Structure formats: structure tokens, C-alpha cells
Amino acid sequence: MYICMRINLRMKNKSLPHSIQVNGKLIELSSPKVMGIVNITPDSFYSNSRAIEEREIAERVEHILNEGADFIDIGACSSRPNATLASQEEEMKRLRKALPIIRDIAPDTAISVDTFRSEVASMCVEEFGVGIINDISAGEMDNNMFKTVARLRVPYIMMHMKGTPDTMQQDANYEHLRIELTQYFAHKIYTLQEFGVNDIILDPGFGFGKTTAHNYELLNHLDEFQLFDLPILVGMSRKSMIYKTLGITPEESLNGTTAANVIAMMKGANILRVHDVKSCVEAVKIFNTMNIHL
């Protein structure tokens, strides 16, 4: 019944624009936005996104801003396949080092923190004014996350992942992929709204507990998730679904990433989470220009 209500709402107003409240400011998502990645980890899968020392963090943030990012997403605990998760203490230590630097360089830019831990989320919002929480586990890895986000009153990016980072690629089995994800999101959205969370962003979780075939099925049918009438975030940047398909390395997969992001925008993506901001900003500009002349 809940899914049917959402489908009916979407059918009544297919052009309903999206927006989120971040640090008291309304951010319109009617035009796709670009989220630049800063990984303050030593083991993220794409080495060029890593920034460990203070100088590296500052340079990475300045680079992202100069290339036109709308959001900055900072991660202090690698979630690549088979990753050994950093402890909560280590994750907090890394963020306490990096967030003041980012805040100093980008005081007016919306900052998202990629964490599945509610205590880390609380620290980032309460101590450093972080505006968005990006949770790869949609509350599955910390039962306190939903009520914490509700208390913090920040937008919540909710990603689908089957299993955990160390098991997800061994558990990539579905009877009906898109039906299972739709049911998953419907349940999670209902629970979040019961807690009072209003700004929810959906992330299908490309590469997280999915085969290459699953990833391209989701990309091809991404527009189906518009039935929830919520913003959609896509994170495919330099992932194996691109470089393995092309028979290249992550370092060589920029062109493939751009192609995939253009398809995602055509299928309704509102936020593109990327390592390479400039090329994505240019793709968004071409996409927007095309829509103007339709």
C-alpha cells in the first residue's frame, strides 16, 4: 500500500522539483549537482582521491572547489570491497584533523560525511557543522543511526548495500533485483519518516553487493526509483562496473565514468558523487543545455 501511494503521487506530478535543507539553506536539485570526493584514508580504491596529510587535504579541497563542486563528501573509513574497517576512534581522529581544514577553506560549501556510525555522525554535525550524513548501510550497521539523524535534523543519504563491505561481493544474489531494492527503500523511507526525517536522498549503491550485470540493470532502470519522489544520488566514479567492462584500470576510467554519469542524469539522477569534478561539471552543463533546447 505504501509503495502504491508513492507511485500515485509521482504519476500526478512527474516534474516536481527536489530540494534539501542544508545548514539552514535551501539547495535546489532540479538541476543535477556534483559532489566531490575527499578520502582521508590510506586504502581507498582510487589512490588519487586520497588525502592524508593536512597539506594534501587542503590541496584536494581547493582543487574540488576550483573545479566547481556543489558538495564535498569526506570519508574517513574505506568501504571498498573486502576492506578492513577502521575503528570508530580512528575514523573520528581522521575527521577531527580534516574537518577544520575543510571548514576553513570552504565555509559556504555543503559538507557531507560518509559514515555508518551514529556517534561519528553526531560528532561531525555538532562539533563541525557538517550538513549531510551519507550512510552506506542505511542504518543496518548502527541501529541508532535513524534516530540520530532525526535528532540532528540533517539530510540523510541512504544507500542500499547487501551485506557489509567485507562480505557484500560474496552475497550478490537477488531473485528480483529492482523489486527487492524498491521494497527495501519503501521500508526504510517509512521508518525514517516515522522518526521525523524529511530530507532523504536515495543511493542505489552501485558496486555494493551487486554484480556488473546488476549495476547496469540499475543504471538502465534508475528512473524507476523516482516513484518515491525523493532525490537520487549516483556514485559510479571509476568503479569496477566501468573499468572491468572496458578492460582498463581505475586510473584510465574517467571517460567511462563521464559516459555513465550522463546516462544517470538522463535517467533522473540529482546528485553525482565523483572523484573528477571538472569533467562532471562539464557533463552537467551539456545536459542542462540540452534540456533548455528540448
Protein backbone atom coordinates (compact mmCIF):
# COMPACT_ATOMS: atom_id res chain seq x y z
CA MET A 1 0.00 0.00 0.00
CA TYR A 2 2.81 2.42 0.87
CA ILE A 3 4.53 1.82 -2.47
CA CYS A 4 1.23 2.33 -4.32
CA MET A 5 0.71 5.67 -2.57
CA ARG A 6 4.15 6.80 -3.65
CA ILE A 7 3.61 5.65 -7.24
CA ASN A 8 0.33 7.57 -7.42
CA LEU A 9 1.98 10.73 -6.05
CA ARG A 10 4.72 10.56 -8.63
CA MET A 11 2.31 9.99 -11.50
CA LYS A 12 0.36 13.08 -10.50
CA ASN A 13 3.39 15.36 -10.67
CA LYS A 14 6.26 13.96 -12.71
CA SER A 15 8.13 17.28 -12.84
CA LEU A 16 8.10 18.00 -9.11
CA PRO A 17 11.46 19.68 -8.32
CA HIS A 18 13.59 18.46 -5.45
CA SER A 19 15.35 20.47 -2.76
CA ILE A 20 17.08 19.84 0.57
CA GLN A 21 17.74 21.99 3.63
CA VAL A 22 21.47 22.11 4.47
CA ASN A 23 22.68 24.29 7.35
CA GLY A 24 19.57 26.42 7.07
CA LYS A 25 19.92 26.94 3.32
CA LEU A 26 17.61 25.54 0.65
CA ILE A 27 19.54 23.75 -2.10
CA GLU A 28 17.59 23.14 -5.28
CA LEU A 29 18.23 19.83 -7.04
CA SER A 30 16.15 20.46 -10.15
CA SER A 31 19.49 20.67 -11.98
CA PRO A 32 21.98 17.85 -11.23
CA LYS A 33 24.59 18.71 -8.60
CA VAL A 34 28.17 17.46 -8.31
CA MET A 35 29.60 16.01 -5.09
CA GLY A 36 33.39 15.86 -4.96
CA ILE A 37 35.05 13.06 -3.00
CA VAL A 38 37.78 13.56 -0.39
CA ASN A 39 39.08 10.30 1.07
CA ILE A 40 41.20 10.79 4.19
CA THR A 41 42.04 7.09 4.24
CA PRO A 42 45.19 5.24 3.21
CA ASP A 43 43.29 2.43 1.46
CA SER A 44 40.50 3.87 -0.70
CA PHE A 45 40.34 2.03 -4.02
CA TYR A 46 41.25 5.08 -6.15
CA SER A 47 44.58 6.40 -4.93
CA ASN A 48 44.25 9.88 -6.46
CA SER A 49 41.29 10.65 -4.18
CA ARG A 50 43.30 10.02 -1.02
CA ALA A 51 44.46 12.93 1.12
CA ILE A 52 46.14 12.07 4.40
CA GLU A 53 48.36 14.94 5.48
CA GLU A 54 46.98 18.41 6.22
CA ARG A 55 48.59 19.91 3.10
CA GLU A 56 47.13 17.14 0.92
CA ILE A 57 43.67 17.64 2.38
CA ALA A 58 43.82 21.39 1.78
CA GLU A 59 45.04 20.92 -1.80
CA ARG A 60 42.37 18.33 -2.56
CA VAL A 61 39.57 20.55 -1.22
CA GLU A 62 40.83 23.61 -3.09
CA HIS A 63 41.06 21.55 -6.27
CA ILE A 64 37.48 20.30 -5.90
CA LEU A 65 36.16 23.82 -5.24
CA ASN A 66 38.06 25.33 -8.16
CA GLU A 67 36.55 22.73 -10.45
CA GLY A 68 33.02 23.67 -9.39
CA ALA A 69 31.78 21.11 -6.85
CA ASP A 70 28.42 21.81 -5.22
CA PHE A 71 29.09 19.45 -2.29
CA ILE A 72 32.15 17.94 -0.63
CA ASP A 73 31.88 14.36 0.62
CA ILE A 74 34.56 13.32 3.09
CA GLY A 75 35.23 9.70 4.01
CA ALA A 76 37.45 8.51 6.86
CA CYS A 77 36.67 4.79 6.75
CA SER A 78 37.19 2.92 3.48
CA SER A 79 34.24 0.79 2.36
CA ARG A 80 35.79 -0.74 -0.73
CA PRO A 81 35.13 -4.49 -1.24
CA ASN A 82 36.96 -6.66 1.31
CA ALA A 83 38.08 -3.59 3.24
CA THR A 84 39.15 -3.84 6.86
CA LEU A 85 37.07 -1.16 8.54
CA ALA A 86 38.86 1.48 10.54
CA SER A 87 37.86 1.64 14.20
CA GLN A 88 35.45 4.33 15.33
CA GLU A 89 38.28 6.00 17.25
CA GLU A 90 40.48 6.14 14.15
CA GLU A 91 37.62 7.43 12.00
CA MET A 92 36.92 10.22 14.50
CA LYS A 93 40.62 11.08 14.76
CA ARG A 94 40.91 11.46 11.00
CA LEU A 95 37.78 13.61 10.78
CA ARG A 96 38.82 15.87 13.66
CA LYS A 97 42.01 16.52 11.73
CA ALA A 98 40.37 17.15 8.35
CA LEU A 99 37.09 18.92 9.06
CA PRO A 100 38.60 22.16 10.46
CA ILE A 101 40.75 22.39 7.32
CA ILE A 102 37.76 21.88 5.05
CA ARG A 103 35.61 24.33 7.02
CA ASP A 104 38.36 26.96 6.79
CA ILE A 105 38.77 26.59 3.02
CA ALA A 106 35.12 26.01 2.15
CA PRO A 107 32.98 27.79 4.79
CA ASP A 108 29.99 28.16 2.47
CA THR A 109 30.07 24.73 0.83
CA ALA A 110 27.75 21.95 1.97
CA ILE A 111 29.80 19.15 3.54
CA SER A 112 28.71 15.54 3.63
CA VAL A 113 30.40 12.93 5.82
CA ASP A 114 30.45 9.33 4.63
CA THR A 115 29.91 7.29 7.80
CA PHE A 116 27.72 4.43 9.01
CA ARG A 117 28.34 5.21 12.70
CA SER A 118 25.84 7.34 14.62
CA GLU A 119 28.43 8.63 17.12
CA VAL A 120 30.63 9.79 14.27
CA ALA A 121 27.63 11.49 12.66
CA SER A 122 26.84 13.29 15.92
CA MET A 123 30.41 14.49 16.35
CA CYS A 124 30.64 15.81 12.79
CA VAL A 125 27.37 17.74 12.93
CA GLU A 126 27.59 19.03 16.50
CA GLU A 127 31.30 19.89 16.60
CA PHE A 128 31.98 20.93 12.99
CA GLY A 129 28.63 21.88 11.47
CA VAL A 130 28.58 19.14 8.85
CA GLY A 131 25.37 19.44 6.84
CA ILE A 132 24.71 15.96 5.39
CA ILE A 133 25.21 12.37 6.57
CA ASN A 134 25.98 9.78 3.90
CA ASP A 135 25.39 6.23 5.20
CA ILE A 136 26.39 3.26 3.04
CA SER A 137 24.40 0.89 5.26
CA ALA A 138 21.06 2.75 5.57
CA GLY A 139 21.16 2.17 9.32
CA GLU A 140 21.91 -1.55 9.04
CA MET A 141 25.36 -1.26 10.65
CA ASP A 142 24.25 1.02 13.50
CA ASN A 143 20.74 0.74 14.92
CA ASN A 144 20.98 4.25 16.39
CA MET A 145 21.60 5.99 13.07
CA PHE A 146 17.99 6.80 12.15
CA LYS A 147 17.08 8.39 15.47
CA THR A 148 20.44 10.21 15.50
CA VAL A 149 19.84 11.75 12.06
CA ALA A 150 16.33 12.71 13.17
CA ARG A 151 17.75 14.45 16.24
CA LEU A 152 20.47 16.19 14.22
CA ARG A 153 17.94 17.34 11.61
CA VAL A 154 20.27 16.96 8.64
CA PRO A 155 19.68 15.46 5.19
CA TYR A 156 20.38 11.74 5.07
CA ILE A 157 21.81 9.87 2.10
CA MET A 158 20.59 6.29 2.39
CA MET A 159 22.42 3.72 0.29
CA HIS A 160 21.46 0.14 -0.45
CA MET A 161 24.13 -2.44 0.32
CA LYS A 162 23.62 -6.17 0.61
CA GLY A 163 25.84 -7.41 3.43
CA THR A 164 28.85 -5.47 4.69
CA PRO A 165 31.97 -4.24 2.86
CA ASP A 166 33.86 -7.44 3.69
CA THR A 167 31.02 -9.76 2.56
CA MET A 168 28.97 -7.83 0.00
CA GLN A 169 30.55 -9.25 -3.14
CA GLN A 170 30.07 -12.82 -1.88
CA ASP A 171 26.37 -12.17 -1.24
CA ALA A 172 25.35 -10.51 -4.51
CA ASN A 173 22.31 -12.70 -5.14
CA TYR A 174 18.78 -11.47 -5.87
CA GLU A 175 15.61 -13.09 -7.15
CA HIS A 176 14.28 -9.78 -8.47
CA LEU A 177 16.86 -7.02 -8.08
CA ARG A 178 14.73 -3.94 -8.67
CA ILE A 179 11.74 -5.23 -6.74
CA GLU A 180 13.96 -6.04 -3.76
CA LEU A 181 15.55 -2.58 -3.81
CA THR A 182 12.16 -0.91 -4.14
CA GLN A 183 10.80 -2.84 -1.16
CA TYR A 184 13.97 -2.10 0.81
CA PHE A 185 13.74 1.64 0.19
CA ALA A 186 10.00 1.72 0.86
CA HIS A 187 10.50 0.17 4.30
CA LYS A 188 13.45 2.41 5.16
CA ILE A 189 11.72 5.58 4.00
CA TYR A 190 8.63 4.78 6.05
CA THR A 191 10.77 4.18 9.15
CA LEU A 192 12.78 7.38 8.66
CA GLN A 193 9.66 9.46 8.17
CA GLU A 194 8.18 7.97 11.34
CA PHE A 195 11.29 9.28 13.13
CA GLY A 196 10.67 12.70 11.56
CA VAL A 197 13.44 12.72 8.94
CA ASN A 198 12.27 14.78 5.96
CA ASP A 199 15.31 15.24 3.72
CA ILE A 200 16.08 11.73 2.43
CA ILE A 201 18.30 11.04 -0.57
CA LEU A 202 18.34 7.58 -2.18
CA ASP A 203 21.52 5.88 -3.42
CA PRO A 204 21.07 2.51 -5.21
CA GLY A 205 24.58 1.52 -4.14
CA PHE A 206 26.39 0.79 -7.38
CA GLY A 207 29.11 -1.78 -6.67
CA PHE A 208 27.89 -2.58 -3.17
CA GLY A 209 26.70 -6.18 -3.20
CA LYS A 210 25.97 -6.12 -6.93
CA THR A 211 27.50 -7.81 -9.94
CA THR A 212 28.38 -5.85 -13.06
CA ALA A 213 25.11 -7.04 -14.63
CA HIS A 214 23.19 -5.82 -11.56
CA ASN A 215 24.86 -2.42 -11.76
CA TYR A 216 23.91 -1.89 -15.39
CA GLU A 217 20.38 -3.11 -14.80
CA LEU A 218 20.04 -0.48 -12.07
CA LEU A 219 21.54 2.22 -14.27
CA ASN A 220 19.21 1.34 -17.13
CA HIS A 221 16.16 1.48 -14.84
CA LEU A 222 17.30 4.23 -12.47
CA ASP A 223 14.24 6.30 -13.31
CA GLU A 224 12.03 3.70 -11.62
CA PHE A 225 13.24 4.96 -8.24
CA GLN A 226 11.61 8.33 -8.97
CA LEU A 227 8.39 6.73 -7.75
CA PHE A 228 9.49 7.66 -4.21
CA ASP A 229 9.58 11.36 -5.14
CA LEU A 230 12.97 11.75 -3.43
CA PRO A 231 16.34 12.93 -4.77
CA ILE A 232 18.59 10.22 -6.22
CA LEU A 233 22.35 10.14 -5.73
CA VAL A 234 24.58 8.07 -8.02
CA GLY A 235 28.13 7.01 -7.19
CA MET A 236 29.78 5.14 -10.06
CA SER A 237 33.01 7.10 -10.31
CA ARG A 238 35.88 4.90 -11.55
CA LYS A 239 34.25 1.76 -10.13
CA SER A 240 34.79 -1.77 -11.40
CA MET A 241 31.49 -1.73 -13.32
CA ILE A 242 33.26 0.75 -15.59
CA TYR A 243 36.92 -0.25 -15.69
CA LYS A 244 36.33 -4.01 -15.82
CA THR A 245 33.79 -3.57 -18.61
CA LEU A 246 36.36 -1.57 -20.58
CA GLY A 247 39.30 -3.81 -19.66
CA ILE A 248 41.26 -0.93 -18.13
CA THR A 249 42.33 0.35 -14.70
CA PRO A 250 40.56 2.80 -12.37
CA GLU A 251 43.15 5.40 -13.36
CA GLU A 252 42.08 5.05 -17.02
CA SER A 253 38.33 5.11 -16.44
CA LEU A 254 37.48 8.82 -16.47
CA ASN A 255 35.87 8.74 -19.91
CA GLY A 256 33.75 5.74 -18.99
CA THR A 257 32.71 7.42 -15.74
CA THR A 258 31.56 10.51 -17.61
CA ALA A 259 29.53 8.40 -20.04
CA ALA A 260 27.86 6.54 -17.17
CA ASN A 261 27.07 9.79 -15.35
CA VAL A 262 25.42 11.26 -18.44
CA ILE A 263 23.19 8.18 -18.66
CA ALA A 264 22.40 8.57 -14.96
CA MET A 265 21.34 12.19 -15.46
CA MET A 266 19.11 11.17 -18.36
CA LYS A 267 17.54 8.60 -16.03
CA GLY A 268 16.83 11.16 -13.31
CA ALA A 269 19.93 11.36 -11.07
CA ASN A 270 20.00 14.53 -8.96
CA ILE A 271 23.47 14.24 -7.38
CA LEU A 272 26.60 12.75 -8.93
CA ARG A 273 29.29 11.68 -6.46
CA VAL A 274 32.63 11.75 -8.28
CA HIS A 275 36.40 11.83 -7.96
CA ASP A 276 36.81 14.09 -11.01
CA VAL A 277 34.73 17.22 -10.57
CA LYS A 278 35.68 19.22 -13.68
CA SER A 279 34.60 16.60 -16.20
CA CYS A 280 31.36 16.00 -14.32
CA VAL A 281 30.55 19.72 -14.09
CA GLU A 282 31.08 19.98 -17.85
CA ALA A 283 28.79 16.99 -18.44
CA VAL A 284 26.10 18.60 -16.28
CA LYS A 285 26.39 21.83 -18.28
CA ILE A 286 25.92 19.96 -21.57
CA PHE A 287 22.98 18.05 -20.07
CA ASN A 288 21.33 21.26 -18.85
CA THR A 289 21.87 22.99 -22.19
CA MET A 290 20.26 20.08 -24.00
CA ASN A 291 17.21 20.30 -21.72
CA ILE A 292 16.86 24.03 -22.34
CA HIS A 293 16.56 23.39 -26.07
CA LEU A 294 14.16 20.44 -25.88
